[in-house]
Amino acid sequence: MNVSALSFLLIPFLGALVPLVFWILKKGKVKNLSKNAQKLLNFQITWYILLCFHYAYALGLISLRLKLFPENFGNPEYIIFSLMGLYGLNILLIMINTIRSASGQVVVYQPAIPFLRLT
């Protein structure tokens, strides 16, 4: 299921849709799947919110001046590097958690807003 989240590389919303479909189809058949699915989907939804914010800023739909990096925040280079950082974080966490899941360790996706609270 963790690897299926890499589908965001094709179309961004597939990173949550494919794992959701996988979880629905395999629910009850794989140990700890619901817990891992919740963590993965919460992270993917949080990532999409950050990505949408990033695109909205890049397209000029929102204007924001941060006091941390006021001279760099609107530069095209900064926008490209921050976008690469968002995608890199997603890929890195998916790969780390795929390895952790395969070795029986607890899956950790952070930052993640707890949208889904499954039992």
PDB file of N, CA and C in Angstrom:
ATOM      1  N   MET A   1       0.819  -1.186   0.000  1.00  0.00           N
ATOM      2  CA  MET A   1       0.000   0.000   0.000  1.00  0.00           C
ATOM      3  C   MET A   1       0.864   1.252   0.000  1.00  0.00           C
ATOM      4  N   ASN A   2       1.962   1.234   0.730  1.00  0.00           N
ATOM      5  CA  ASN A   2       2.833   2.412   0.770  1.00  0.00           C
ATOM      6  C   ASN A   2       3.368   2.748  -0.614  1.00  0.00           C
ATOM      7  N   VAL A   3       3.782   1.749  -1.350  1.00  0.00           N
ATOM      8  CA  VAL A   3       4.337   1.979  -2.681  1.00  0.00           C
ATOM      9  C   VAL A   3       3.275   2.524  -3.628  1.00  0.00           C
ATOM     10  N   SER A   4       2.027   2.141  -3.431  1.00  0.00           N
ATOM     11  CA  SER A   4       0.959   2.629  -4.309  1.00  0.00           C
ATOM     12  C   SER A   4       0.793   4.146  -4.210  1.00  0.00           C
ATOM     13  N   ALA A   5       1.233   4.748  -3.116  1.00  0.00           N
ATOM     14  CA  ALA A   5       1.140   6.197  -2.958  1.00  0.00           C
ATOM     15  C   ALA A   5       2.085   6.934  -3.913  1.00  0.00           C
ATOM     16  N   LEU A   6       3.069   6.224  -4.466  1.00  0.00           N
ATOM     17  CA  LEU A   6       3.969   6.847  -5.441  1.00  0.00           C
ATOM     18  C   LEU A   6       3.246   7.202  -6.738  1.00  0.00           C
ATOM     19  N   SER A   7       2.017   6.778  -6.865  1.00  0.00           N
ATOM     20  CA  SER A   7       1.235   7.124  -8.052  1.00  0.00           C
ATOM     21  C   SER A   7       1.007   8.636  -8.143  1.00  0.00           C
ATOM     22  N   PHE A   8       1.297   9.377  -7.068  1.00  0.00           N
ATOM     23  CA  PHE A   8       1.182  10.835  -7.106  1.00  0.00           C
ATOM     24  C   PHE A   8       2.150  11.434  -8.124  1.00  0.00           C
ATOM     25  N   LEU A   9       3.167  10.675  -8.504  1.00  0.00           N
ATOM     26  CA  LEU A   9       4.114  11.174  -9.495  1.00  0.00           C
ATOM     27  C   LEU A   9       3.467  11.297 -10.876  1.00  0.00           C
ATOM     28  N   LEU A  10       2.448  10.480 -11.154  1.00  0.00           N
ATOM     29  CA  LEU A  10       1.722  10.575 -12.423  1.00  0.00           C
ATOM     30  C   LEU A  10       0.706  11.707 -12.389  1.00  0.00           C
ATOM     31  N   ILE A  11      -0.198  11.634 -11.429  1.00  0.00           N
ATOM     32  CA  ILE A  11      -1.218  12.652 -11.214  1.00  0.00           C
ATOM     33  C   ILE A  11      -1.304  12.832  -9.697  1.00  0.00           C
ATOM     34  N   PRO A  12      -1.100  14.045  -9.179  1.00  0.00           N
ATOM     35  CA  PRO A  12      -0.989  14.226  -7.735  1.00  0.00           C
ATOM     36  C   PRO A  12      -2.094  13.593  -6.881  1.00  0.00           C
ATOM     37  N   PHE A  13      -3.368  13.703  -7.261  1.00  0.00           N
ATOM     38  CA  PHE A  13      -4.417  13.167  -6.390  1.00  0.00           C
ATOM     39  C   PHE A  13      -4.441  11.640  -6.351  1.00  0.00           C
ATOM     40  N   LEU A  14      -3.749  10.971  -7.270  1.00  0.00           N
ATOM     41  CA  LEU A  14      -3.693   9.506  -7.234  1.00  0.00           C
ATOM     42  C   LEU A  14      -2.925   8.989  -6.021  1.00  0.00           C
ATOM     43  N   GLY A  15      -2.074   9.821  -5.440  1.00  0.00           N
ATOM     44  CA  GLY A  15      -1.309   9.422  -4.259  1.00  0.00           C
ATOM     45  C   GLY A  15      -2.187   9.093  -3.068  1.00  0.00           C
ATOM     46  N   ALA A  16      -3.400   9.621  -3.036  1.00  0.00           N
ATOM     47  CA  ALA A  16      -4.353   9.275  -1.981  1.00  0.00           C
ATOM     48  C   ALA A  16      -5.428   8.328  -2.508  1.00  0.00           C
ATOM     49  N   LEU A  17      -5.797   8.487  -3.758  1.00  0.00           N
ATOM     50  CA  LEU A  17      -6.878   7.681  -4.327  1.00  0.00           C
ATOM     51  C   LEU A  17      -6.488   6.207  -4.468  1.00  0.00           C
ATOM     52  N   VAL A  18      -5.317   5.921  -4.993  1.00  0.00           N
ATOM     53  CA  VAL A  18      -4.890   4.529  -5.189  1.00  0.00           C
ATOM     54  C   VAL A  18      -4.752   3.801  -3.848  1.00  0.00           C
ATOM     55  N   PRO A  19      -4.080   4.386  -2.828  1.00  0.00           N
ATOM     56  CA  PRO A  19      -4.038   3.696  -1.531  1.00  0.00           C
ATOM     57  C   PRO A  19      -5.426   3.517  -0.901  1.00  0.00           C
ATOM     58  N   LEU A  20      -6.328   4.485  -1.112  1.00  0.00           N
ATOM     59  CA  LEU A  20      -7.686   4.367  -0.582  1.00  0.00           C
ATOM     60  C   LEU A  20      -8.402   3.169  -1.205  1.00  0.00           C
ATOM     61  N   VAL A  21      -8.300   3.030  -2.512  1.00  0.00           N
ATOM     62  CA  VAL A  21      -8.920   1.892  -3.201  1.00  0.00           C
ATOM     63  C   VAL A  21      -8.276   0.584  -2.736  1.00  0.00           C
ATOM     64  N   PHE A  22      -6.961   0.570  -2.627  1.00  0.00           N
ATOM     65  CA  PHE A  22      -6.236  -0.613  -2.138  1.00  0.00           C
ATOM     66  C   PHE A  22      -6.708  -0.992  -0.749  1.00  0.00           C
ATOM     67  N   TRP A  23      -6.853  -0.001   0.124  1.00  0.00           N
ATOM     68  CA  TRP A  23      -7.293  -0.254   1.494  1.00  0.00           C
ATOM     69  C   TRP A  23      -8.714  -0.822   1.522  1.00  0.00           C
ATOM     70  N   ILE A  24      -9.599  -0.258   0.723  1.00  0.00           N
ATOM     71  CA  ILE A  24     -10.985  -0.738   0.678  1.00  0.00           C
ATOM     72  C   ILE A  24     -11.037  -2.182   0.188  1.00  0.00           C
ATOM     73  N   LEU A  25     -10.244  -2.502  -0.827  1.00  0.00           N
ATOM     74  CA  LEU A  25     -10.263  -3.852  -1.394  1.00  0.00           C
ATOM     75  C   LEU A  25      -9.622  -4.892  -0.471  1.00  0.00           C
ATOM     76  N   LYS A  26      -8.606  -4.513   0.269  1.00  0.00           N
ATOM     77  CA  LYS A  26      -7.858  -5.453   1.118  1.00  0.00           C
ATOM     78  C   LYS A  26      -8.206  -5.353   2.602  1.00  0.00           C
ATOM     79  N   LYS A  27      -9.194  -4.544   2.943  1.00  0.00           N
ATOM     80  CA  LYS A  27      -9.580  -4.337   4.339  1.00  0.00           C
ATOM     81  C   LYS A  27      -9.933  -5.674   4.991  1.00  0.00           C
ATOM     82  N   GLY A  28      -9.337  -5.933   6.137  1.00  0.00           N
ATOM     83  CA  GLY A  28      -9.597  -7.162   6.878  1.00  0.00           C
ATOM     84  C   GLY A  28      -8.753  -8.339   6.433  1.00  0.00           C
ATOM     85  N   LYS A  29      -8.012  -8.216   5.346  1.00  0.00           N
ATOM     86  CA  LYS A  29      -7.197  -9.325   4.836  1.00  0.00           C
ATOM     87  C   LYS A  29      -5.718  -9.182   5.184  1.00  0.00           C
ATOM     88  N   VAL A  30      -5.293  -7.948   5.464  1.00  0.00           N
ATOM     89  CA  VAL A  30      -3.889  -7.674   5.760  1.00  0.00           C
ATOM     90  C   VAL A  30      -3.777  -7.081   7.157  1.00  0.00           C
ATOM     91  N   LYS A  31      -2.848  -7.634   7.942  1.00  0.00           N
ATOM     92  CA  LYS A  31      -2.655  -7.187   9.321  1.00  0.00           C
ATOM     93  C   LYS A  31      -2.188  -5.723   9.352  1.00  0.00           C
ATOM     94  N   ASN A  32      -2.762  -4.937  10.248  1.00  0.00           N
ATOM     95  CA  ASN A  32      -2.431  -3.521  10.475  1.00  0.00           C
ATOM     96  C   ASN A  32      -2.671  -2.625   9.264  1.00  0.00           C
ATOM     97  N   LEU A  33      -3.439  -3.088   8.300  1.00  0.00           N
ATOM     98  CA  LEU A  33      -3.669  -2.295   7.098  1.00  0.00           C
ATOM     99  C   LEU A  33      -4.450  -1.022   7.398  1.00  0.00           C
ATOM    100  N   SER A  34      -5.478  -1.110   8.228  1.00  0.00           N
ATOM    101  CA  SER A  34      -6.296   0.073   8.522  1.00  0.00           C
ATOM    102  C   SER A  34      -5.483   1.157   9.209  1.00  0.00           C
ATOM    103  N   LYS A  35      -4.640   0.766  10.138  1.00  0.00           N
ATOM    104  CA  LYS A  35      -3.808   1.734  10.860  1.00  0.00           C
ATOM    105  C   LYS A  35      -2.809   2.398   9.914  1.00  0.00           C
ATOM    106  N   ASN A  36      -2.171   1.593   9.064  1.00  0.00           N
ATOM    107  CA  ASN A  36      -1.208   2.145   8.109  1.00  0.00           C
ATOM    108  C   ASN A  36      -1.907   3.008   7.059  1.00  0.00           C
ATOM    109  N   ALA A  37      -3.083   2.576   6.627  1.00  0.00           N
ATOM    110  CA  ALA A  37      -3.844   3.348   5.639  1.00  0.00           C
ATOM    111  C   ALA A  37      -4.227   4.704   6.205  1.00  0.00           C
ATOM    112  N   GLN A  38      -4.643   4.730   7.447  1.00  0.00           N
ATOM    113  CA  GLN A  38      -5.012   5.997   8.090  1.00  0.00           C
ATOM    114  C   GLN A  38      -3.827   6.947   8.113  1.00  0.00           C
ATOM    115  N   LYS A  39      -2.675   6.460   8.510  1.00  0.00           N
ATOM    116  CA  LYS A  39      -1.489   7.315   8.580  1.00  0.00           C
ATOM    117  C   LYS A  39      -1.087   7.810   7.196  1.00  0.00           C
ATOM    118  N   LEU A  40      -1.097   6.913   6.226  1.00  0.00           N
ATOM    119  CA  LEU A  40      -0.712   7.281   4.868  1.00  0.00           C
ATOM    120  C   LEU A  40      -1.686   8.285   4.263  1.00  0.00           C
ATOM    121  N   LEU A  41      -2.970   8.036   4.401  1.00  0.00           N
ATOM    122  CA  LEU A  41      -3.962   8.939   3.817  1.00  0.00           C
ATOM    123  C   LEU A  41      -3.966  10.301   4.495  1.00  0.00           C
ATOM    124  N   ASN A  42      -3.784  10.338   5.799  1.00  0.00           N
ATOM    125  CA  ASN A  42      -3.682  11.627   6.499  1.00  0.00           C
ATOM    126  C   ASN A  42      -2.481  12.426   5.993  1.00  0.00           C
ATOM    127  N   PHE A  43      -1.361  11.738   5.792  1.00  0.00           N
ATOM    128  CA  PHE A  43      -0.175  12.428   5.274  1.00  0.00           C
ATOM    129  C   PHE A  43      -0.418  12.925   3.865  1.00  0.00           C
ATOM    130  N   GLN A  44      -1.000  12.090   3.008  1.00  0.00           N
ATOM    131  CA  GLN A  44      -1.228  12.486   1.624  1.00  0.00           C
ATOM    132  C   GLN A  44      -2.187  13.679   1.534  1.00  0.00           C
ATOM    133  N   ILE A  45      -3.232  13.677   2.336  1.00  0.00           N
ATOM    134  CA  ILE A  45      -4.170  14.805   2.333  1.00  0.00           C
ATOM    135  C   ILE A  45      -3.468  16.074   2.798  1.00  0.00           C
ATOM    136  N   THR A  46      -2.655  15.979   3.844  1.00  0.00           N
ATOM    137  CA  THR A  46      -1.881  17.130   4.329  1.00  0.00           C
ATOM    138  C   THR A  46      -0.929  17.614   3.245  1.00  0.00           C
ATOM    139  N   TRP A  47      -0.288  16.676   2.559  1.00  0.00           N
ATOM    140  CA  TRP A  47       0.643  17.024   1.487  1.00  0.00           C
ATOM    141  C   TRP A  47      -0.083  17.770   0.369  1.00  0.00           C
ATOM    142  N   TYR A  48      -1.293  17.323   0.025  1.00  0.00           N
ATOM    143  CA  TYR A  48      -2.062  17.996  -1.023  1.00  0.00           C
ATOM    144  C   TYR A  48      -2.450  19.413  -0.622  1.00  0.00           C
ATOM    145  N   ILE A  49      -2.763  19.613   0.626  1.00  0.00           N
ATOM    146  CA  ILE A  49      -3.081  20.965   1.100  1.00  0.00           C
ATOM    147  C   ILE A  49      -1.854  21.865   0.941  1.00  0.00           C
ATOM    148  N   LEU A  50      -0.686  21.366   1.333  1.00  0.00           N
ATOM    149  CA  LEU A  50       0.552  22.136   1.163  1.00  0.00           C
ATOM    150  C   LEU A  50       0.849  22.384  -0.312  1.00  0.00           C
ATOM    151  N   LEU A  51       0.621  21.379  -1.138  1.00  0.00           N
ATOM    152  CA  LEU A  51       0.864  21.514  -2.572  1.00  0.00           C
ATOM    153  C   LEU A  51      -0.081  22.547  -3.201  1.00  0.00           C
ATOM    154  N   CYS A  52      -1.344  22.505  -2.820  1.00  0.00           N
ATOM    155  CA  CYS A  52      -2.313  23.476  -3.342  1.00  0.00           C
ATOM    156  C   CYS A  52      -1.958  24.891  -2.903  1.00  0.00           C
ATOM    157  N   PHE A  53      -1.545  25.046  -1.657  1.00  0.00           N
ATOM    158  CA  PHE A  53      -1.105  26.347  -1.166  1.00  0.00           C
ATOM    159  C   PHE A  53       0.086  26.837  -1.979  1.00  0.00           C
ATOM    160  N   HIS A  54       1.018  25.924  -2.239  1.00  0.00           N
ATOM    161  CA  HIS A  54       2.211  26.263  -3.012  1.00  0.00           C
ATOM    162  C   HIS A  54       1.829  26.714  -4.418  1.00  0.00           C
ATOM    163  N   TYR A  55       0.973  25.965  -5.087  1.00  0.00           N
ATOM    164  CA  TYR A  55       0.542  26.336  -6.442  1.00  0.00           C
ATOM    165  C   TYR A  55      -0.244  27.642  -6.446  1.00  0.00           C
ATOM    166  N   ALA A  56      -1.081  27.846  -5.451  1.00  0.00           N
ATOM    167  CA  ALA A  56      -1.862  29.080  -5.376  1.00  0.00           C
ATOM    168  C   ALA A  56      -0.932  30.277  -5.230  1.00  0.00           C
ATOM    169  N   TYR A  57       0.102  30.130  -4.427  1.00  0.00           N
ATOM    170  CA  TYR A  57       1.063  31.213  -4.282  1.00  0.00           C
ATOM    171  C   TYR A  57       1.846  31.422  -5.574  1.00  0.00           C
ATOM    172  N   ALA A  58       2.304  30.328  -6.178  1.00  0.00           N
ATOM    173  CA  ALA A  58       3.104  30.426  -7.398  1.00  0.00           C
ATOM    174  C   ALA A  58       2.321  31.066  -8.536  1.00  0.00           C
ATOM    175  N   LEU A  59       1.024  30.805  -8.594  1.00  0.00           N
ATOM    176  CA  LEU A  59       0.191  31.379  -9.641  1.00  0.00           C
ATOM    177  C   LEU A  59      -0.274  32.798  -9.315  1.00  0.00           C
ATOM    178  N   GLY A  60       0.068  33.268  -8.134  1.00  0.00           N
ATOM    179  CA  GLY A  60      -0.306  34.619  -7.754  1.00  0.00           C
ATOM    180  C   GLY A  60      -1.727  34.741  -7.244  1.00  0.00           C
ATOM    181  N   LEU A  61      -2.360  33.618  -6.943  1.00  0.00           N
ATOM    182  CA  LEU A  61      -3.718  33.671  -6.423  1.00  0.00           C
ATOM    183  C   LEU A  61      -3.752  34.190  -4.991  1.00  0.00           C
ATOM    184  N   ILE A  62      -2.653  33.966  -4.278  1.00  0.00           N
ATOM    185  CA  ILE A  62      -2.522  34.530  -2.937  1.00  0.00           C
ATOM    186  C   ILE A  62      -1.193  35.267  -2.861  1.00  0.00           C
ATOM    187  N   SER A  63      -1.158  36.290  -2.090  1.00  0.00           N
ATOM    188  CA  SER A  63       0.063  37.060  -1.913  1.00  0.00           C
ATOM    189  C   SER A  63       0.459  36.971  -0.452  1.00  0.00           C
ATOM    190  N   LEU A  64       1.717  36.647  -0.215  1.00  0.00           N
ATOM    191  CA  LEU A  64       2.166  36.426   1.149  1.00  0.00           C
ATOM    192  C   LEU A  64       3.612  36.861   1.271  1.00  0.00           C
ATOM    193  N   ARG A  65       3.911  37.548   2.323  1.00  0.00           N
ATOM    194  CA  ARG A  65       5.291  37.923   2.609  1.00  0.00           C
ATOM    195  C   ARG A  65       5.654  37.376   3.988  1.00  0.00           C
ATOM    196  N   LEU A  66       6.578  36.438   3.996  1.00  0.00           N
ATOM    197  CA  LEU A  66       7.046  35.882   5.261  1.00  0.00           C
ATOM    198  C   LEU A  66       8.267  36.663   5.714  1.00  0.00           C
ATOM    199  N   LYS A  67       8.346  36.945   6.987  1.00  0.00           N
ATOM    200  CA  LYS A  67       9.473  37.704   7.518  1.00  0.00           C
ATOM    201  C   LYS A  67      10.735  36.849   7.597  1.00  0.00           C
ATOM    202  N   LEU A  68      10.582  35.507   7.473  1.00  0.00           N
ATOM    203  CA  LEU A  68      11.754  34.639   7.525  1.00  0.00           C
ATOM    204  C   LEU A  68      12.612  34.775   6.266  1.00  0.00           C
ATOM    205  N   PHE A  69      11.970  34.782   5.098  1.00  0.00           N
ATOM    206  CA  PHE A  69      12.684  34.846   3.830  1.00  0.00           C
ATOM    207  C   PHE A  69      12.032  35.874   2.902  1.00  0.00           C
ATOM    208  N   PRO A  70      11.927  37.133   3.308  1.00  0.00           N
ATOM    209  CA  PRO A  70      11.173  38.096   2.487  1.00  0.00           C
ATOM    210  C   PRO A  70      11.772  38.325   1.109  1.00  0.00           C
ATOM    211  N   GLU A  71      13.094  38.239   0.966  1.00  0.00           N
ATOM    212  CA  GLU A  71      13.692  38.516  -0.336  1.00  0.00           C
ATOM    213  C   GLU A  71      13.670  37.300  -1.259  1.00  0.00           C
ATOM    214  N   ASN A  72      13.447  36.104  -0.735  1.00  0.00           N
ATOM    215  CA  ASN A  72      13.492  34.897  -1.551  1.00  0.00           C
ATOM    216  C   ASN A  72      12.125  34.303  -1.854  1.00  0.00           C
ATOM    217  N   PHE A  73      11.131  34.656  -1.101  1.00  0.00           N
ATOM    218  CA  PHE A  73       9.875  33.911  -1.163  1.00  0.00           C
ATOM    219  C   PHE A  73       9.179  33.999  -2.514  1.00  0.00           C
ATOM    220  N   GLY A  74       9.290  35.107  -3.228  1.00  0.00           N
ATOM    221  CA  GLY A  74       8.607  35.242  -4.502  1.00  0.00           C
ATOM    222  C   GLY A  74       9.460  34.885  -5.703  1.00  0.00           C
ATOM    223  N   ASN A  75      10.713  34.525  -5.501  1.00  0.00           N
ATOM    224  CA  ASN A  75      11.606  34.211  -6.604  1.00  0.00           C
ATOM    225  C   ASN A  75      11.234  32.878  -7.249  1.00  0.00           C
ATOM    226  N   PRO A  76      11.318  32.801  -8.582  1.00  0.00           N
ATOM    227  CA  PRO A  76      11.008  31.530  -9.259  1.00  0.00           C
ATOM    228  C   PRO A  76      11.884  30.373  -8.791  1.00  0.00           C
ATOM    229  N   GLU A  77      13.150  30.649  -8.476  1.00  0.00           N
ATOM    230  CA  GLU A  77      14.041  29.587  -8.007  1.00  0.00           C
ATOM    231  C   GLU A  77      13.546  29.018  -6.679  1.00  0.00           C
ATOM    232  N   TYR A  78      13.111  29.909  -5.808  1.00  0.00           N
ATOM    233  CA  TYR A  78      12.603  29.458  -4.512  1.00  0.00           C
ATOM    234  C   TYR A  78      11.352  28.596  -4.701  1.00  0.00           C
ATOM    235  N   ILE A  79      10.490  29.011  -5.597  1.00  0.00           N
ATOM    236  CA  ILE A  79       9.259  28.260  -5.852  1.00  0.00           C
ATOM    237  C   ILE A  79       9.594  26.872  -6.391  1.00  0.00           C
ATOM    238  N   ILE A  80      10.527  26.791  -7.323  1.00  0.00           N
ATOM    239  CA  ILE A  80      10.911  25.498  -7.903  1.00  0.00           C
ATOM    240  C   ILE A  80      11.556  24.609  -6.855  1.00  0.00           C
ATOM    241  N   PHE A  81      12.483  25.164  -6.057  1.00  0.00           N
ATOM    242  CA  PHE A  81      13.157  24.349  -5.041  1.00  0.00           C
ATOM    243  C   PHE A  81      12.206  23.907  -3.928  1.00  0.00           C
ATOM    244  N   SER A  82      11.262  24.756  -3.567  1.00  0.00           N
ATOM    245  CA  SER A  82      10.303  24.345  -2.536  1.00  0.00           C
ATOM    246  C   SER A  82       9.369  23.267  -3.075  1.00  0.00           C
ATOM    247  N   LEU A  83       9.012  23.335  -4.341  1.00  0.00           N
ATOM    248  CA  LEU A  83       8.200  22.296  -4.962  1.00  0.00           C
ATOM    249  C   LEU A  83       8.971  20.978  -5.013  1.00  0.00           C
ATOM    250  N   MET A  84      10.232  21.050  -5.364  1.00  0.00           N
ATOM    251  CA  MET A  84      11.073  19.853  -5.367  1.00  0.00           C
ATOM    252  C   MET A  84      11.183  19.280  -3.949  1.00  0.00           C
ATOM    253  N   GLY A  85      11.248  20.158  -2.958  1.00  0.00           N
ATOM    254  CA  GLY A  85      11.300  19.696  -1.574  1.00  0.00           C
ATOM    255  C   GLY A  85      10.029  18.985  -1.152  1.00  0.00           C
ATOM    256  N   LEU A  86       8.876  19.510  -1.565  1.00  0.00           N
ATOM    257  CA  LEU A  86       7.600  18.852  -1.240  1.00  0.00           C
ATOM    258  C   LEU A  86       7.517  17.466  -1.868  1.00  0.00           C
ATOM    259  N   TYR A  87       7.866  17.372  -3.138  1.00  0.00           N
ATOM    260  CA  TYR A  87       7.843  16.071  -3.811  1.00  0.00           C
ATOM    261  C   TYR A  87       8.888  15.130  -3.217  1.00  0.00           C
ATOM    262  N   GLY A  88      10.071  15.663  -2.920  1.00  0.00           N
ATOM    263  CA  GLY A  88      11.128  14.845  -2.322  1.00  0.00           C
ATOM    264  C   GLY A  88      10.726  14.296  -0.966  1.00  0.00           C
ATOM    265  N   LEU A  89      10.082  15.123  -0.142  1.00  0.00           N
ATOM    266  CA  LEU A  89       9.615  14.673   1.172  1.00  0.00           C
ATOM    267  C   LEU A  89       8.619  13.534   1.023  1.00  0.00           C
ATOM    268  N   ASN A  90       7.697  13.672   0.092  1.00  0.00           N
ATOM    269  CA  ASN A  90       6.691  12.640  -0.115  1.00  0.00           C
ATOM    270  C   ASN A  90       7.351  11.334  -0.551  1.00  0.00           C
ATOM    271  N   ILE A  91       8.250  11.392  -1.522  1.00  0.00           N
ATOM    272  CA  ILE A  91       8.932  10.193  -2.003  1.00  0.00           C
ATOM    273  C   ILE A  91       9.753   9.563  -0.890  1.00  0.00           C
ATOM    274  N   LEU A  92      10.497  10.370  -0.149  1.00  0.00           N
ATOM    275  CA  LEU A  92      11.350   9.869   0.924  1.00  0.00           C
ATOM    276  C   LEU A  92      10.534   9.156   2.006  1.00  0.00           C
ATOM    277  N   LEU A  93       9.443   9.782   2.447  1.00  0.00           N
ATOM    278  CA  LEU A  93       8.630   9.162   3.493  1.00  0.00           C
ATOM    279  C   LEU A  93       7.950   7.881   3.012  1.00  0.00           C
ATOM    280  N   ILE A  94       7.536   7.860   1.765  1.00  0.00           N
ATOM    281  CA  ILE A  94       6.937   6.636   1.229  1.00  0.00           C
ATOM    282  C   ILE A  94       7.962   5.513   1.203  1.00  0.00           C
ATOM    283  N   MET A  95       9.166   5.798   0.741  1.00  0.00           N
ATOM    284  CA  MET A  95      10.202   4.758   0.668  1.00  0.00           C
ATOM    285  C   MET A  95      10.622   4.284   2.060  1.00  0.00           C
ATOM    286  N   ILE A  96      10.815   5.214   2.994  1.00  0.00           N
ATOM    287  CA  ILE A  96      11.192   4.829   4.362  1.00  0.00           C
ATOM    288  C   ILE A  96      10.107   3.963   4.984  1.00  0.00           C
ATOM    289  N   ASN A  97       8.852   4.357   4.827  1.00  0.00           N
ATOM    290  CA  ASN A  97       7.768   3.609   5.449  1.00  0.00           C
ATOM    291  C   ASN A  97       7.473   2.299   4.739  1.00  0.00           C
ATOM    292  N   THR A  98       7.813   2.183   3.480  1.00  0.00           N
ATOM    293  CA  THR A  98       7.709   0.897   2.796  1.00  0.00           C
ATOM    294  C   THR A  98       8.690  -0.087   3.414  1.00  0.00           C
ATOM    295  N   ILE A  99       9.897   0.370   3.654  1.00  0.00           N
ATOM    296  CA  ILE A  99      10.914  -0.479   4.291  1.00  0.00           C
ATOM    297  C   ILE A  99      10.507  -0.817   5.717  1.00  0.00           C
ATOM    298  N   ARG A 100      10.033   0.167   6.459  1.00  0.00           N
ATOM    299  CA  ARG A 100       9.603  -0.061   7.843  1.00  0.00           C
ATOM    300  C   ARG A 100       8.450  -1.064   7.892  1.00  0.00           C
ATOM    301  N   SER A 101       7.499  -0.923   7.000  1.00  0.00           N
ATOM    302  CA  SER A 101       6.347  -1.817   6.966  1.00  0.00           C
ATOM    303  C   SER A 101       6.771  -3.237   6.620  1.00  0.00           C
ATOM    304  N   ALA A 102       7.674  -3.378   5.661  1.00  0.00           N
ATOM    305  CA  ALA A 102       8.149  -4.704   5.253  1.00  0.00           C
ATOM    306  C   ALA A 102       8.911  -5.407   6.375  1.00  0.00           C
ATOM    307  N   SER A 103       9.569  -4.631   7.241  1.00  0.00           N
ATOM    308  CA  SER A 103      10.323  -5.231   8.344  1.00  0.00           C
ATOM    309  C   SER A 103       9.506  -5.338   9.629  1.00  0.00           C
ATOM    310  N   GLY A 104       8.219  -4.994   9.554  1.00  0.00           N
ATOM    311  CA  GLY A 104       7.334  -5.148  10.708  1.00  0.00           C
ATOM    312  C   GLY A 104       7.385  -4.006  11.704  1.00  0.00           C
ATOM    313  N   GLN A 105       8.025  -2.909  11.355  1.00  0.00           N
ATOM    314  CA  GLN A 105       8.106  -1.760  12.247  1.00  0.00           C
ATOM    315  C   GLN A 105       6.882  -0.871  12.075  1.00  0.00           C
ATOM    316  N   VAL A 106       6.714   0.054  13.016  1.00  0.00           N
ATOM    317  CA  VAL A 106       5.592   0.989  12.982  1.00  0.00           C
ATOM    318  C   VAL A 106       5.824   2.016  11.879  1.00  0.00           C
ATOM    319  N   VAL A 107       4.779   2.293  11.114  1.00  0.00           N
ATOM    320  CA  VAL A 107       4.830   3.283  10.040  1.00  0.00           C
ATOM    321  C   VAL A 107       4.587   4.667  10.628  1.00  0.00           C
ATOM    322  N   VAL A 108       5.434   5.640  10.235  1.00  0.00           N
ATOM    323  CA  VAL A 108       5.317   7.005  10.746  1.00  0.00           C
ATOM    324  C   VAL A 108       5.315   7.977   9.576  1.00  0.00           C
ATOM    325  N   TYR A 109       4.209   8.685   9.409  1.00  0.00           N
ATOM    326  CA  TYR A 109       4.103   9.729   8.396  1.00  0.00           C
ATOM    327  C   TYR A 109       3.871  11.045   9.108  1.00  0.00           C
ATOM    328  N   GLN A 110       4.871  11.937   9.053  1.00  0.00           N
ATOM    329  CA  GLN A 110       4.758  13.260   9.651  1.00  0.00           C
ATOM    330  C   GLN A 110       5.354  14.272   8.706  1.00  0.00           C
ATOM    331  N   PRO A 111       4.810  15.424   8.537  1.00  0.00           N
ATOM    332  CA  PRO A 111       3.662  15.990   9.216  1.00  0.00           C
ATOM    333  C   PRO A 111       2.359  15.469   8.610  1.00  0.00           C
ATOM    334  N   ALA A 112       1.373  15.299   9.447  1.00  0.00           N
ATOM    335  CA  ALA A 112       0.071  14.834   8.986  1.00  0.00           C
ATOM    336  C   ALA A 112      -1.012  15.379   9.902  1.00  0.00           C
ATOM    337  N   ILE A 113      -2.010  15.992   9.310  1.00  0.00           N
ATOM    338  CA  ILE A 113      -3.180  16.448  10.057  1.00  0.00           C
ATOM    339  C   ILE A 113      -4.119  15.253  10.152  1.00  0.00           C
ATOM    340  N   PRO A 114      -4.588  14.925  11.346  1.00  0.00           N
ATOM    341  CA  PRO A 114      -5.443  13.723  11.504  1.00  0.00           C
ATOM    342  C   PRO A 114      -6.872  13.922  10.988  1.00  0.00           C
ATOM    343  N   PHE A 115      -7.027  13.885   9.667  1.00  0.00           N
ATOM    344  CA  PHE A 115      -8.360  14.006   9.074  1.00  0.00           C
ATOM    345  C   PHE A 115      -9.162  12.738   9.291  1.00  0.00           C
ATOM    346  N   LEU A 116      -8.521  11.589   9.086  1.00  0.00           N
ATOM    347  CA  LEU A 116      -9.178  10.292   9.233  1.00  0.00           C
ATOM    348  C   LEU A 116      -8.839   9.705  10.595  1.00  0.00           C
ATOM    349  N   ARG A 117      -9.839   9.296  11.307  1.00  0.00           N
ATOM    350  CA  ARG A 117      -9.625   8.650  12.605  1.00  0.00           C
ATOM    351  C   ARG A 117     -10.391   7.337  12.588  1.00  0.00           C
ATOM    352  N   LEU A 118      -9.760   6.347  12.013  1.00  0.00           N
ATOM    353  CA  LEU A 118     -10.389   5.044  11.864  1.00  0.00           C
ATOM    354  C   LEU A 118     -10.157   4.200  13.112  1.00  0.00           C
ATOM    355  N   THR A 119     -11.033   3.279  13.335  1.00  0.00           N
ATOM    356  CA  THR A 119     -10.841   2.385  14.479  1.00  0.00           C
ATOM    357  C   THR A 119     -10.561   0.992  14.010  1.00  0.00           C
TER     358      THR A 119
END
